[in-house]
Each structure stands twice: as structure tokens, then as C-alpha cells.
Amino acid sequence: MSSTPEFLVFGATGQQGGAVARALLARGRTVRAFVRIACRTAPGSWKRRA
């Protein structure tokens, strides 16, 4: 079990969810994205955007 928390962001390809995900990543947090349409984002793309 990891001692650092992971954050699940719903709607991470949208404006608000994306802003939340980017803000968490900018602070060095681990983020998992929950999206309705998986083809809108490639696996690992949030890491590249941080």
C-alpha cells in the first residue's frame, strides 16, 4: 500500500476536471482520470501535460 494518496478526477478531459487534474499534477500528486470517452485522451497523456 502506498503512503502517498492517489486522486481520482472525474471528467478529466473537460474544462473543470482537466484544471483539477493539472493542478494536482503540478503539485506532484498522483492522478487517475475517469472519463466517459476514452479515445479523447491517450494513456499517460496527463503526465506529459504536467
N, C-alpha and C. Protein backbone atom coordinates (compact mmCIF):
# COMPACT_ATOMS: atom_id res chain seq x y z
N MET A 1 0.84 -1.18 0.00
CA MET A 1 0.00 0.00 0.00
C MET A 1 0.89 1.25 0.00
N SER A 2 0.55 2.19 -0.82
CA SER A 2 1.32 3.41 -0.95
C SER A 2 1.01 4.38 0.18
N SER A 3 2.04 5.10 0.63
CA SER A 3 1.82 6.07 1.70
C SER A 3 1.38 7.43 1.15
N THR A 4 1.52 7.64 -0.16
CA THR A 4 1.07 8.89 -0.77
C THR A 4 -0.29 8.67 -1.41
N PRO A 5 -1.21 9.60 -1.20
CA PRO A 5 -2.56 9.40 -1.74
C PRO A 5 -2.62 9.58 -3.26
N GLU A 6 -3.52 8.83 -3.86
CA GLU A 6 -3.83 8.99 -5.28
C GLU A 6 -5.16 9.71 -5.36
N PHE A 7 -5.32 10.53 -6.39
CA PHE A 7 -6.55 11.28 -6.57
C PHE A 7 -7.24 10.79 -7.84
N LEU A 8 -8.53 10.53 -7.75
CA LEU A 8 -9.34 10.16 -8.90
C LEU A 8 -10.12 11.40 -9.31
N VAL A 9 -9.91 11.84 -10.53
CA VAL A 9 -10.58 13.03 -11.04
C VAL A 9 -11.61 12.60 -12.08
N PHE A 10 -12.86 12.90 -11.82
CA PHE A 10 -13.92 12.61 -12.77
C PHE A 10 -14.01 13.73 -13.79
N GLY A 11 -14.24 13.37 -15.05
CA GLY A 11 -14.37 14.37 -16.10
C GLY A 11 -13.05 15.06 -16.43
N ALA A 12 -11.96 14.32 -16.38
CA ALA A 12 -10.63 14.90 -16.54
C ALA A 12 -10.35 15.44 -17.94
N THR A 13 -11.17 15.08 -18.93
CA THR A 13 -10.98 15.64 -20.27
C THR A 13 -11.77 16.93 -20.47
N GLY A 14 -12.57 17.28 -19.47
CA GLY A 14 -13.34 18.52 -19.55
C GLY A 14 -12.57 19.70 -18.98
N GLN A 15 -13.22 20.84 -18.99
CA GLN A 15 -12.55 22.07 -18.53
C GLN A 15 -12.27 22.05 -17.03
N GLN A 16 -13.27 21.78 -16.22
CA GLN A 16 -13.07 21.82 -14.77
C GLN A 16 -12.26 20.63 -14.27
N GLY A 17 -12.62 19.43 -14.72
CA GLY A 17 -11.87 18.25 -14.30
C GLY A 17 -10.43 18.30 -14.77
N GLY A 18 -10.22 18.81 -15.98
CA GLY A 18 -8.86 18.94 -16.50
C GLY A 18 -8.03 19.92 -15.70
N ALA A 19 -8.66 21.02 -15.29
CA ALA A 19 -7.96 22.01 -14.47
C ALA A 19 -7.57 21.42 -13.12
N VAL A 20 -8.47 20.64 -12.55
CA VAL A 20 -8.18 19.99 -11.27
C VAL A 20 -7.03 19.00 -11.43
N ALA A 21 -7.09 18.18 -12.47
CA ALA A 21 -6.02 17.19 -12.70
C ALA A 21 -4.68 17.87 -12.91
N ARG A 22 -4.64 18.93 -13.72
CA ARG A 22 -3.38 19.64 -13.96
C ARG A 22 -2.84 20.29 -12.68
N ALA A 23 -3.73 20.83 -11.87
CA ALA A 23 -3.30 21.47 -10.61
C ALA A 23 -2.70 20.44 -9.66
N LEU A 24 -3.33 19.28 -9.56
CA LEU A 24 -2.80 18.23 -8.70
C LEU A 24 -1.44 17.74 -9.22
N LEU A 25 -1.34 17.53 -10.52
CA LEU A 25 -0.08 17.08 -11.10
C LEU A 25 1.03 18.11 -10.90
N ALA A 26 0.69 19.37 -11.00
CA ALA A 26 1.68 20.43 -10.79
C ALA A 26 2.22 20.42 -9.36
N ARG A 27 1.42 19.88 -8.45
CA ARG A 27 1.85 19.78 -7.05
C ARG A 27 2.49 18.44 -6.73
N GLY A 28 2.73 17.66 -7.78
CA GLY A 28 3.42 16.38 -7.61
C GLY A 28 2.55 15.24 -7.13
N ARG A 29 1.24 15.39 -7.23
CA ARG A 29 0.31 14.35 -6.79
C ARG A 29 0.12 13.29 -7.87
N THR A 30 -0.30 12.11 -7.46
CA THR A 30 -0.63 11.03 -8.39
C THR A 30 -2.10 11.17 -8.75
N VAL A 31 -2.39 11.20 -10.05
CA VAL A 31 -3.76 11.41 -10.52
C VAL A 31 -4.19 10.27 -11.42
N ARG A 32 -5.39 9.80 -11.21
CA ARG A 32 -6.04 8.86 -12.12
C ARG A 32 -7.25 9.58 -12.69
N ALA A 33 -7.44 9.42 -13.98
CA ALA A 33 -8.53 10.14 -14.66
C ALA A 33 -9.67 9.19 -14.98
N PHE A 34 -10.89 9.62 -14.71
CA PHE A 34 -12.10 8.89 -15.07
C PHE A 34 -12.79 9.70 -16.15
N VAL A 35 -12.92 9.11 -17.34
CA VAL A 35 -13.50 9.82 -18.47
C VAL A 35 -14.60 8.99 -19.10
N ARG A 36 -15.55 9.65 -19.76
CA ARG A 36 -16.61 8.93 -20.47
C ARG A 36 -16.13 8.39 -21.80
N ILE A 37 -15.34 9.16 -22.51
CA ILE A 37 -14.90 8.77 -23.85
C ILE A 37 -13.38 8.58 -23.81
N ALA A 38 -12.97 7.33 -23.72
CA ALA A 38 -11.56 7.02 -23.53
C ALA A 38 -10.67 7.49 -24.68
N CYS A 39 -11.19 7.57 -25.89
CA CYS A 39 -10.37 7.96 -27.04
C CYS A 39 -10.00 9.44 -27.01
N ARG A 40 -10.57 10.24 -26.10
CA ARG A 40 -10.26 11.66 -26.02
C ARG A 40 -8.90 11.91 -25.38
N THR A 41 -8.36 10.93 -24.70
CA THR A 41 -7.05 11.08 -24.08
C THR A 41 -6.27 9.78 -24.17
N ALA A 42 -5.01 9.88 -24.49
CA ALA A 42 -4.15 8.70 -24.60
C ALA A 42 -3.62 8.34 -23.21
N PRO A 43 -3.37 7.06 -22.96
CA PRO A 43 -2.80 6.66 -21.67
C PRO A 43 -1.50 7.42 -21.41
N GLY A 44 -1.38 7.96 -20.22
CA GLY A 44 -0.16 8.68 -19.85
C GLY A 44 -0.09 10.11 -20.33
N SER A 45 -1.11 10.60 -21.04
CA SER A 45 -1.04 11.95 -21.59
C SER A 45 -1.03 13.01 -20.50
N TRP A 46 -1.63 12.73 -19.33
CA TRP A 46 -1.62 13.72 -18.24
C TRP A 46 -0.21 13.92 -17.72
N LYS A 47 0.60 12.87 -17.75
CA LYS A 47 1.99 13.01 -17.30
C LYS A 47 2.73 13.97 -18.21
N ARG A 48 2.45 13.89 -19.49
CA ARG A 48 3.13 14.75 -20.46
C ARG A 48 2.65 16.20 -20.34
N ARG A 49 1.42 16.41 -19.88
CA ARG A 49 0.87 17.75 -19.81
C ARG A 49 1.27 18.49 -18.55
N ALA A 50 1.73 17.76 -17.56
CA ALA A 50 2.06 18.38 -16.26
C ALA A 50 3.24 19.32 -16.37
